[in-house]
């Protein structure tokens, strides 16, 4: 069982930056990770993902050029640096780890939402105009 915990949410002004952190613990540790977000009344949407090695990343169009996903293997943490935040980025952000059956070599761009089986509780990000 993989336990995922997010931190770093908060309230910021449009144009500000925020970094979310995610720690994941489990028997394998060789799993790709991703960030998703959800606003009330809407479906959860993909934001970014990173392969186990960190060598490949994938971003939603809304995140490209503004968000950067990274990971620190020593700390077993994943981060998403969010820059130039907009009010429409307001959401609960979830970190997730893939099922342990997903090959550690899977490129981030090949991951589907259904590949992510372990989810954190979410952290609120609010961007004011």
Foldseek 3Di string as FASTA:
>chain_A
DKAKAKDWADEEAQQAKTKMKMAIDDDPLLWKKFKWWDDPPDDIGGAKIAASVRPAMDGDPVQPPFKDWGADSVRRMIMIMGGRDDQVVWTWMKMFTFDPPDDSPDHRVPDDPNRTDYIYPTDTHGYHD
